[in-house]
Protein backbone atom coordinates (compact mmCIF):
# COMPACT_ATOMS: atom_id res chain seq x y z
CA MET A 1 81.46 123.30 151.23
CA GLN A 2 84.57 123.56 149.08
CA MET A 3 82.56 123.32 145.85
CA GLN A 4 80.20 126.06 147.00
CA GLY A 5 83.14 128.39 147.61
CA ILE A 6 84.51 127.73 144.12
CA GLY A 7 81.07 128.34 142.62
CA THR A 8 80.71 131.64 144.47
CA GLU A 9 84.15 132.74 143.32
CA LEU A 10 83.41 131.89 139.69
CA TYR A 11 80.08 133.71 139.91
CA GLY A 12 81.80 136.76 141.36
CA ARG A 13 84.42 136.76 138.61
CA SER A 14 81.88 136.43 135.80
CA LEU A 15 79.80 139.23 137.35
CA ASN A 16 82.93 141.38 137.50
CA ALA A 17 83.77 140.67 133.84
CA PHE A 18 80.17 141.44 132.87
CA GLN A 19 80.33 144.81 134.64
CA LEU A 20 83.62 145.62 132.90
CA LYS A 21 82.05 144.76 129.53
CA ILE A 22 79.04 146.99 130.26
CA THR A 23 81.35 149.84 131.29
CA SER A 24 83.46 149.64 128.12
CA LEU A 25 80.31 149.49 125.97
CA TYR A 26 78.97 152.54 127.80
CA ASP A 27 82.24 154.42 127.24
CA GLN A 28 82.15 153.62 123.51
CA ASN A 29 78.58 154.90 123.19
CA VAL A 30 79.42 158.12 125.05
CA LEU A 31 82.44 158.63 122.78
CA ILE A 32 80.34 158.11 119.63
CA ILE A 33 77.59 160.45 120.87
CA TYR A 34 80.21 163.05 121.82
CA MET A 35 81.84 162.82 118.37
CA ILE A 36 78.49 163.22 116.58
CA PHE A 37 77.56 166.14 118.82
CA PHE A 38 80.96 167.75 118.25
CA GLN A 39 80.61 167.43 114.45
CA CYS A 40 77.08 168.87 114.54
CA SER A 41 78.20 171.88 116.57
CA LEU A 42 80.99 172.78 114.12
């Protein structure tokens, strides 16, 4: 029972880190697209 709890916690943490990584990647892409769009509109 103890091991299962540790496994669940580790799984939750890795899922959390994965979501954070996705979010930062998404933010970078939006920033790049915004910069390109801004340069094109000048």
